PDB file of N, CA and C in Angstrom:
ATOM      1  N   MET A   1     -56.063  17.511 -44.709  1.00  0.00           N
ATOM      2  CA  MET A   1     -54.816  17.981 -44.138  1.00  0.00           C
ATOM      3  C   MET A   1     -55.159  18.828 -42.921  1.00  0.00           C
ATOM      4  N   SER A   2     -54.461  18.592 -41.836  1.00  0.00           N
ATOM      5  CA  SER A   2     -54.825  19.283 -40.611  1.00  0.00           C
ATOM      6  C   SER A   2     -53.806  20.292 -40.129  1.00  0.00           C
ATOM      7  N   GLY A   3     -52.544  20.180 -40.514  1.00  0.00           N
ATOM      8  CA  GLY A   3     -51.533  21.052 -39.939  1.00  0.00           C
ATOM      9  C   GLY A   3     -50.652  21.712 -40.967  1.00  0.00           C
ATOM     10  N   LYS A   4     -49.879  22.663 -40.470  1.00  0.00           N
ATOM     11  CA  LYS A   4     -48.920  23.372 -41.315  1.00  0.00           C
ATOM     12  C   LYS A   4     -47.547  23.269 -40.669  1.00  0.00           C
ATOM     13  N   ALA A   5     -46.543  22.976 -41.489  1.00  0.00           N
ATOM     14  CA  ALA A   5     -45.160  22.899 -41.023  1.00  0.00           C
ATOM     15  C   ALA A   5     -44.304  23.739 -41.953  1.00  0.00           C
ATOM     16  N   VAL A   6     -43.524  24.641 -41.356  1.00  0.00           N
ATOM     17  CA  VAL A   6     -42.585  25.450 -42.137  1.00  0.00           C
ATOM     18  C   VAL A   6     -41.187  25.075 -41.669  1.00  0.00           C
ATOM     19  N   PHE A   7     -40.353  24.689 -42.602  1.00  0.00           N
ATOM     20  CA  PHE A   7     -38.971  24.328 -42.304  1.00  0.00           C
ATOM     21  C   PHE A   7     -38.090  25.470 -42.783  1.00  0.00           C
ATOM     22  N   TYR A   8     -37.459  26.165 -41.843  1.00  0.00           N
ATOM     23  CA  TYR A   8     -36.549  27.272 -42.160  1.00  0.00           C
ATOM     24  C   TYR A   8     -35.122  26.754 -42.133  1.00  0.00           C
ATOM     25  N   HIS A   9     -34.354  27.124 -43.148  1.00  0.00           N
ATOM     26  CA  HIS A   9     -32.951  26.721 -43.175  1.00  0.00           C
ATOM     27  C   HIS A   9     -32.132  27.746 -43.956  1.00  0.00           C
ATOM     28  N   ALA A  10     -30.815  27.548 -43.951  1.00  0.00           N
ATOM     29  CA  ALA A  10     -29.918  28.492 -44.611  1.00  0.00           C
ATOM     30  C   ALA A  10     -29.061  27.842 -45.690  1.00  0.00           C
ATOM     31  N   GLY A  11     -29.314  26.598 -45.991  1.00  0.00           N
ATOM     32  CA  GLY A  11     -28.593  25.929 -47.064  1.00  0.00           C
ATOM     33  C   GLY A  11     -27.307  25.243 -46.649  1.00  0.00           C
ATOM     34  N   CYS A  12     -26.966  25.273 -45.367  1.00  0.00           N
ATOM     35  CA  CYS A  12     -25.741  24.616 -44.915  1.00  0.00           C
ATOM     36  C   CYS A  12     -25.934  23.104 -44.910  1.00  0.00           C
ATOM     37  N   THR A  13     -24.878  22.375 -44.720  1.00  0.00           N
ATOM     38  CA  THR A  13     -24.935  20.919 -44.719  1.00  0.00           C
ATOM     39  C   THR A  13     -25.875  20.393 -43.650  1.00  0.00           C
ATOM     40  N   VAL A  14     -25.794  20.949 -42.449  1.00  0.00           N
ATOM     41  CA  VAL A  14     -26.680  20.533 -41.358  1.00  0.00           C
ATOM     42  C   VAL A  14     -28.136  20.751 -41.764  1.00  0.00           C
ATOM     43  N   CYS A  15     -28.411  21.910 -42.368  1.00  0.00           N
ATOM     44  CA  CYS A  15     -29.772  22.245 -42.781  1.00  0.00           C
ATOM     45  C   CYS A  15     -30.286  21.296 -43.860  1.00  0.00           C
ATOM     46  N   LEU A  16     -29.451  21.022 -44.841  1.00  0.00           N
ATOM     47  CA  LEU A  16     -29.876  20.141 -45.932  1.00  0.00           C
ATOM     48  C   LEU A  16     -30.103  18.719 -45.441  1.00  0.00           C
ATOM     49  N   ASP A  17     -29.279  18.255 -44.512  1.00  0.00           N
ATOM     50  CA  ASP A  17     -29.487  16.935 -43.923  1.00  0.00           C
ATOM     51  C   ASP A  17     -30.805  16.898 -43.156  1.00  0.00           C
ATOM     52  N   ALA A  18     -31.091  17.960 -42.416  1.00  0.00           N
ATOM     53  CA  ALA A  18     -32.350  18.033 -41.664  1.00  0.00           C
ATOM     54  C   ALA A  18     -33.545  18.072 -42.611  1.00  0.00           C
ATOM     55  N   GLU A  19     -33.398  18.773 -43.722  1.00  0.00           N
ATOM     56  CA  GLU A  19     -34.488  18.813 -44.699  1.00  0.00           C
ATOM     57  C   GLU A  19     -34.784  17.416 -45.229  1.00  0.00           C
ATOM     58  N   ARG A  20     -33.745  16.705 -45.613  1.00  0.00           N
ATOM     59  CA  ARG A  20     -33.932  15.342 -46.127  1.00  0.00           C
ATOM     60  C   ARG A  20     -34.494  14.413 -45.060  1.00  0.00           C
ATOM     61  N   GLY A  21     -33.978  14.530 -43.847  1.00  0.00           N
ATOM     62  CA  GLY A  21     -34.363  13.601 -42.792  1.00  0.00           C
ATOM     63  C   GLY A  21     -35.680  13.896 -42.118  1.00  0.00           C
ATOM     64  N   PHE A  22     -36.026  15.169 -41.994  1.00  0.00           N
ATOM     65  CA  PHE A  22     -37.222  15.526 -41.234  1.00  0.00           C
ATOM     66  C   PHE A  22     -38.365  16.038 -42.100  1.00  0.00           C
ATOM     67  N   ALA A  23     -38.088  16.983 -42.980  1.00  0.00           N
ATOM     68  CA  ALA A  23     -39.165  17.552 -43.797  1.00  0.00           C
ATOM     69  C   ALA A  23     -39.814  16.480 -44.648  1.00  0.00           C
ATOM     70  N   GLY A  24     -39.014  15.588 -45.190  1.00  0.00           N
ATOM     71  CA  GLY A  24     -39.548  14.517 -46.015  1.00  0.00           C
ATOM     72  C   GLY A  24     -40.253  13.427 -45.228  1.00  0.00           C
ATOM     73  N   ALA A  25     -40.028  13.399 -43.916  1.00  0.00           N
ATOM     74  CA  ALA A  25     -40.623  12.355 -43.090  1.00  0.00           C
ATOM     75  C   ALA A  25     -42.019  12.707 -42.585  1.00  0.00           C
ATOM     76  N   LEU A  26     -42.383  13.976 -42.675  1.00  0.00           N
ATOM     77  CA  LEU A  26     -43.722  14.355 -42.222  1.00  0.00           C
ATOM     78  C   LEU A  26     -44.774  13.841 -43.195  1.00  0.00           C
ATOM     79  N   ASP A  27     -45.840  13.342 -42.658  1.00  0.00           N
ATOM     80  CA  ASP A  27     -46.927  12.783 -43.462  1.00  0.00           C
ATOM     81  C   ASP A  27     -47.613  13.899 -44.249  1.00  0.00           C
ATOM     82  N   PRO A  28     -47.533  13.859 -45.581  1.00  0.00           N
ATOM     83  CA  PRO A  28     -48.147  14.920 -46.386  1.00  0.00           C
ATOM     84  C   PRO A  28     -49.667  14.961 -46.254  1.00  0.00           C
ATOM     85  N   ALA A  29     -50.282  13.877 -45.786  1.00  0.00           N
ATOM     86  CA  ALA A  29     -51.721  13.892 -45.555  1.00  0.00           C
ATOM     87  C   ALA A  29     -52.066  14.639 -44.271  1.00  0.00           C
ATOM     88  N   ALA A  30     -51.079  14.772 -43.380  1.00  0.00           N
ATOM     89  CA  ALA A  30     -51.302  15.437 -42.098  1.00  0.00           C
ATOM     90  C   ALA A  30     -50.768  16.862 -42.062  1.00  0.00           C
ATOM     91  N   TYR A  31     -49.731  17.151 -42.854  1.00  0.00           N
ATOM     92  CA  TYR A  31     -49.088  18.465 -42.809  1.00  0.00           C
ATOM     93  C   TYR A  31     -48.791  18.993 -44.202  1.00  0.00           C
ATOM     94  N   ALA A  32     -49.100  20.255 -44.388  1.00  0.00           N
ATOM     95  CA  ALA A  32     -48.633  20.979 -45.569  1.00  0.00           C
ATOM     96  C   ALA A  32     -47.251  21.498 -45.191  1.00  0.00           C
ATOM     97  N   VAL A  33     -46.214  21.005 -45.851  1.00  0.00           N
ATOM     98  CA  VAL A  33     -44.849  21.370 -45.507  1.00  0.00           C
ATOM     99  C   VAL A  33     -44.328  22.414 -46.496  1.00  0.00           C
ATOM    100  N   GLU A  34     -43.837  23.521 -45.961  1.00  0.00           N
ATOM    101  CA  GLU A  34     -43.208  24.557 -46.769  1.00  0.00           C
ATOM    102  C   GLU A  34     -41.750  24.641 -46.357  1.00  0.00           C
ATOM    103  N   VAL A  35     -40.859  24.635 -47.316  1.00  0.00           N
ATOM    104  CA  VAL A  35     -39.431  24.760 -47.050  1.00  0.00           C
ATOM    105  C   VAL A  35     -39.011  26.173 -47.431  1.00  0.00           C
ATOM    106  N   VAL A  36     -38.386  26.876 -46.473  1.00  0.00           N
ATOM    107  CA  VAL A  36     -37.966  28.259 -46.692  1.00  0.00           C
ATOM    108  C   VAL A  36     -36.459  28.357 -46.509  1.00  0.00           C
ATOM    109  N   HIS A  37     -35.762  28.660 -47.583  1.00  0.00           N
ATOM    110  CA  HIS A  37     -34.305  28.851 -47.559  1.00  0.00           C
ATOM    111  C   HIS A  37     -34.064  30.334 -47.258  1.00  0.00           C
ATOM    112  N   LEU A  38     -33.730  30.640 -46.018  1.00  0.00           N
ATOM    113  CA  LEU A  38     -33.570  32.035 -45.604  1.00  0.00           C
ATOM    114  C   LEU A  38     -32.353  32.710 -46.228  1.00  0.00           C
ATOM    115  N   GLY A  39     -31.402  31.924 -46.705  1.00  0.00           N
ATOM    116  CA  GLY A  39     -30.264  32.507 -47.403  1.00  0.00           C
ATOM    117  C   GLY A  39     -30.667  33.072 -48.757  1.00  0.00           C
ATOM    118  N   GLU A  40     -31.729  32.532 -49.320  1.00  0.00           N
ATOM    119  CA  GLU A  40     -32.217  32.998 -50.622  1.00  0.00           C
ATOM    120  C   GLU A  40     -33.433  33.899 -50.507  1.00  0.00           C
ATOM    121  N   THR A  41     -34.149  33.826 -49.390  1.00  0.00           N
ATOM    122  CA  THR A  41     -35.343  34.642 -49.190  1.00  0.00           C
ATOM    123  C   THR A  41     -35.239  35.373 -47.851  1.00  0.00           C
ATOM    124  N   SER A  42     -34.246  36.247 -47.754  1.00  0.00           N
ATOM    125  CA  SER A  42     -33.980  36.950 -46.494  1.00  0.00           C
ATOM    126  C   SER A  42     -35.145  37.837 -46.067  1.00  0.00           C
ATOM    127  N   GLU A  43     -36.047  38.167 -47.001  1.00  0.00           N
ATOM    128  CA  GLU A  43     -37.206  38.971 -46.630  1.00  0.00           C
ATOM    129  C   GLU A  43     -38.138  38.218 -45.673  1.00  0.00           C
ATOM    130  N   ARG A  44     -37.916  36.932 -45.497  1.00  0.00           N
ATOM    131  CA  ARG A  44     -38.744  36.134 -44.589  1.00  0.00           C
ATOM    132  C   ARG A  44     -38.100  35.941 -43.213  1.00  0.00           C
ATOM    133  N   LEU A  45     -36.945  36.593 -42.975  1.00  0.00           N
ATOM    134  CA  LEU A  45     -36.290  36.503 -41.664  1.00  0.00           C
ATOM    135  C   LEU A  45     -37.195  37.010 -40.549  1.00  0.00           C
ATOM    136  N   ALA A  46     -37.860  38.130 -40.768  1.00  0.00           N
ATOM    137  CA  ALA A  46     -38.740  38.698 -39.739  1.00  0.00           C
ATOM    138  C   ALA A  46     -39.879  37.733 -39.405  1.00  0.00           C
ATOM    139  N   GLU A  47     -40.395  37.065 -40.409  1.00  0.00           N
ATOM    140  CA  GLU A  47     -41.450  36.059 -40.212  1.00  0.00           C
ATOM    141  C   GLU A  47     -40.942  34.931 -39.320  1.00  0.00           C
ATOM    142  N   ALA A  48     -39.740  34.444 -39.614  1.00  0.00           N
ATOM    143  CA  ALA A  48     -39.161  33.358 -38.815  1.00  0.00           C
ATOM    144  C   ALA A  48     -38.949  33.816 -37.373  1.00  0.00           C
ATOM    145  N   GLU A  49     -38.414  35.012 -37.203  1.00  0.00           N
ATOM    146  CA  GLU A  49     -38.198  35.543 -35.849  1.00  0.00           C
ATOM    147  C   GLU A  49     -39.513  35.691 -35.093  1.00  0.00           C
ATOM    148  N   ALA A  50     -40.533  36.202 -35.766  1.00  0.00           N
ATOM    149  CA  ALA A  50     -41.844  36.381 -35.131  1.00  0.00           C
ATOM    150  C   ALA A  50     -42.443  35.044 -34.697  1.00  0.00           C
ATOM    151  N   ALA A  51     -42.106  33.989 -35.419  1.00  0.00           N
ATOM    152  CA  ALA A  51     -42.589  32.646 -35.076  1.00  0.00           C
ATOM    153  C   ALA A  51     -41.814  32.043 -33.907  1.00  0.00           C
ATOM    154  N   GLY A  52     -40.673  32.665 -33.535  1.00  0.00           N
ATOM    155  CA  GLY A  52     -39.873  32.172 -32.418  1.00  0.00           C
ATOM    156  C   GLY A  52     -38.607  31.446 -32.810  1.00  0.00           C
ATOM    157  N   VAL A  53     -38.280  31.441 -34.102  1.00  0.00           N
ATOM    158  CA  VAL A  53     -37.060  30.783 -34.563  1.00  0.00           C
ATOM    159  C   VAL A  53     -35.847  31.610 -34.138  1.00  0.00           C
ATOM    160  N   LYS A  54     -34.885  30.964 -33.514  1.00  0.00           N
ATOM    161  CA  LYS A  54     -33.649  31.627 -33.062  1.00  0.00           C
ATOM    162  C   LYS A  54     -32.452  31.238 -33.918  1.00  0.00           C
ATOM    163  N   SER A  55     -32.490  30.007 -34.436  1.00  0.00           N
ATOM    164  CA  SER A  55     -31.398  29.503 -35.266  1.00  0.00           C
ATOM    165  C   SER A  55     -31.985  28.506 -36.262  1.00  0.00           C
ATOM    166  N   VAL A  56     -31.225  28.250 -37.292  1.00  0.00           N
ATOM    167  CA  VAL A  56     -31.652  27.275 -38.295  1.00  0.00           C
ATOM    168  C   VAL A  56     -30.671  26.109 -38.296  1.00  0.00           C
ATOM    169  N   PRO A  57     -31.143  24.939 -38.643  1.00  0.00           N
ATOM    170  CA  PRO A  57     -32.460  24.590 -39.140  1.00  0.00           C
ATOM    171  C   PRO A  57     -33.492  24.538 -38.016  1.00  0.00           C
ATOM    172  N   ALA A  58     -34.727  24.864 -38.382  1.00  0.00           N
ATOM    173  CA  ALA A  58     -35.819  24.825 -37.416  1.00  0.00           C
ATOM    174  C   ALA A  58     -37.142  24.597 -38.134  1.00  0.00           C
ATOM    175  N   PHE A  59     -38.027  23.918 -37.453  1.00  0.00           N
ATOM    176  CA  PHE A  59     -39.396  23.730 -37.923  1.00  0.00           C
ATOM    177  C   PHE A  59     -40.321  24.584 -37.074  1.00  0.00           C
ATOM    178  N   VAL A  60     -41.339  25.097 -37.687  1.00  0.00           N
ATOM    179  CA  VAL A  60     -42.475  25.649 -36.963  1.00  0.00           C
ATOM    180  C   VAL A  60     -43.650  24.785 -37.404  1.00  0.00           C
ATOM    181  N   ILE A  61     -44.144  24.002 -36.466  1.00  0.00           N
ATOM    182  CA  ILE A  61     -45.236  23.066 -36.755  1.00  0.00           C
ATOM    183  C   ILE A  61     -46.438  23.468 -35.919  1.00  0.00           C
ATOM    184  N   ASP A  62     -47.493  23.849 -36.615  1.00  0.00           N
ATOM    185  CA  ASP A  62     -48.715  24.301 -35.948  1.00  0.00           C
ATOM    186  C   ASP A  62     -48.407  25.336 -34.869  1.00  0.00           C
ATOM    187  N   GLY A  63     -47.480  26.250 -35.162  1.00  0.00           N
ATOM    188  CA  GLY A  63     -47.149  27.346 -34.263  1.00  0.00           C
ATOM    189  C   GLY A  63     -46.078  27.053 -33.225  1.00  0.00           C
ATOM    190  N   ALA A  64     -45.657  25.809 -33.090  1.00  0.00           N
ATOM    191  CA  ALA A  64     -44.616  25.449 -32.120  1.00  0.00           C
ATOM    192  C   ALA A  64     -43.272  25.356 -32.840  1.00  0.00           C
ATOM    193  N   VAL A  65     -42.218  25.901 -32.204  1.00  0.00           N
ATOM    194  CA  VAL A  65     -40.880  25.928 -32.811  1.00  0.00           C
ATOM    195  C   VAL A  65     -40.072  24.732 -32.322  1.00  0.00           C
ATOM    196  N   TYR A  66     -39.410  24.076 -33.270  1.00  0.00           N
ATOM    197  CA  TYR A  66     -38.525  22.954 -32.972  1.00  0.00           C
ATOM    198  C   TYR A  66     -37.184  23.225 -33.638  1.00  0.00           C
ATOM    199  N   HIS A  67     -36.188  23.548 -32.822  1.00  0.00           N
ATOM    200  CA  HIS A  67     -34.846  23.781 -33.353  1.00  0.00           C
ATOM    201  C   HIS A  67     -34.136  22.434 -33.500  1.00  0.00           C
ATOM    202  N   ILE A  68     -33.496  22.249 -34.641  1.00  0.00           N
ATOM    203  CA  ILE A  68     -32.780  21.010 -34.925  1.00  0.00           C
ATOM    204  C   ILE A  68     -31.304  21.356 -35.003  1.00  0.00           C
ATOM    205  N   ASN A  69     -30.515  20.805 -34.079  1.00  0.00           N
ATOM    206  CA  ASN A  69     -29.087  21.102 -34.068  1.00  0.00           C
ATOM    207  C   ASN A  69     -28.899  22.608 -33.995  1.00  0.00           C
ATOM    208  N   HIS A  70     -27.778  23.113 -34.459  1.00  0.00           N
ATOM    209  CA  HIS A  70     -27.537  24.554 -34.475  1.00  0.00           C
ATOM    210  C   HIS A  70     -26.628  24.858 -35.654  1.00  0.00           C
ATOM    211  N   GLY A  71     -27.244  25.200 -36.765  1.00  0.00           N
ATOM    212  CA  GLY A  71     -26.466  25.522 -37.960  1.00  0.00           C
ATOM    213  C   GLY A  71     -26.001  26.962 -37.967  1.00  0.00           C
ATOM    214  N   ALA A  72     -26.940  27.899 -37.745  1.00  0.00           N
ATOM    215  CA  ALA A  72     -26.605  29.322 -37.766  1.00  0.00           C
ATOM    216  C   ALA A  72     -27.671  30.117 -37.021  1.00  0.00           C
ATOM    217  N   ASP A  73     -27.229  31.137 -36.283  1.00  0.00           N
ATOM    218  CA  ASP A  73     -28.167  32.077 -35.679  1.00  0.00           C
ATOM    219  C   ASP A  73     -28.808  32.897 -36.777  1.00  0.00           C
ATOM    220  N   LEU A  74     -30.051  33.309 -36.560  1.00  0.00           N
ATOM    221  CA  LEU A  74     -30.710  34.148 -37.550  1.00  0.00           C
ATOM    222  C   LEU A  74     -29.938  35.454 -37.763  1.00  0.00           C
ATOM    223  N   SER A  75     -29.311  35.964 -36.706  1.00  0.00           N
ATOM    224  CA  SER A  75     -28.552  37.208 -36.851  1.00  0.00           C
ATOM    225  C   SER A  75     -27.418  37.086 -37.853  1.00  0.00           C
ATOM    226  N   ALA A  76     -26.880  35.879 -38.044  1.00  0.00           N
ATOM    227  CA  ALA A  76     -25.798  35.660 -39.004  1.00  0.00           C
ATOM    228  C   ALA A  76     -26.298  35.707 -40.447  1.00  0.00           C
ATOM    229  N   LEU A  77     -27.600  35.600 -40.628  1.00  0.00           N
ATOM    230  CA  LEU A  77     -28.174  35.601 -41.977  1.00  0.00           C
ATOM    231  C   LEU A  77     -28.523  36.999 -42.464  1.00  0.00           C
ATOM    232  N   ARG A  78     -28.455  37.952 -41.585  1.00  0.00           N
ATOM    233  CA  ARG A  78     -28.724  39.343 -41.995  1.00  0.00           C
ATOM    234  C   ARG A  78     -27.513  39.882 -42.754  1.00  0.00           C
ATOM    235  N   GLY A  79     -27.789  40.474 -43.877  1.00  0.00           N
ATOM    236  CA  GLY A  79     -26.727  40.973 -44.753  1.00  0.00           C
ATOM    237  C   GLY A  79     -26.076  42.149 -44.263  1.00  0.00           C
TER     238      GLY A  79
END
């Protein structure tokens, strides 16, 4: 396995569709994929922000951020 992919989402319909369509499509032999539901693990918001995530759903793949559509700003996930 050569890469790491983190998929951040908030559980909305757009996010769940992206999880099914994109997270599952990455080759598990090439990427260790971690799915992070920020609505349930808000303690990881700072991690997502530090990685460059501005909105969810988003992937961070080998340090590069890829925003998919626009479900919610990270600021909307803060309680």
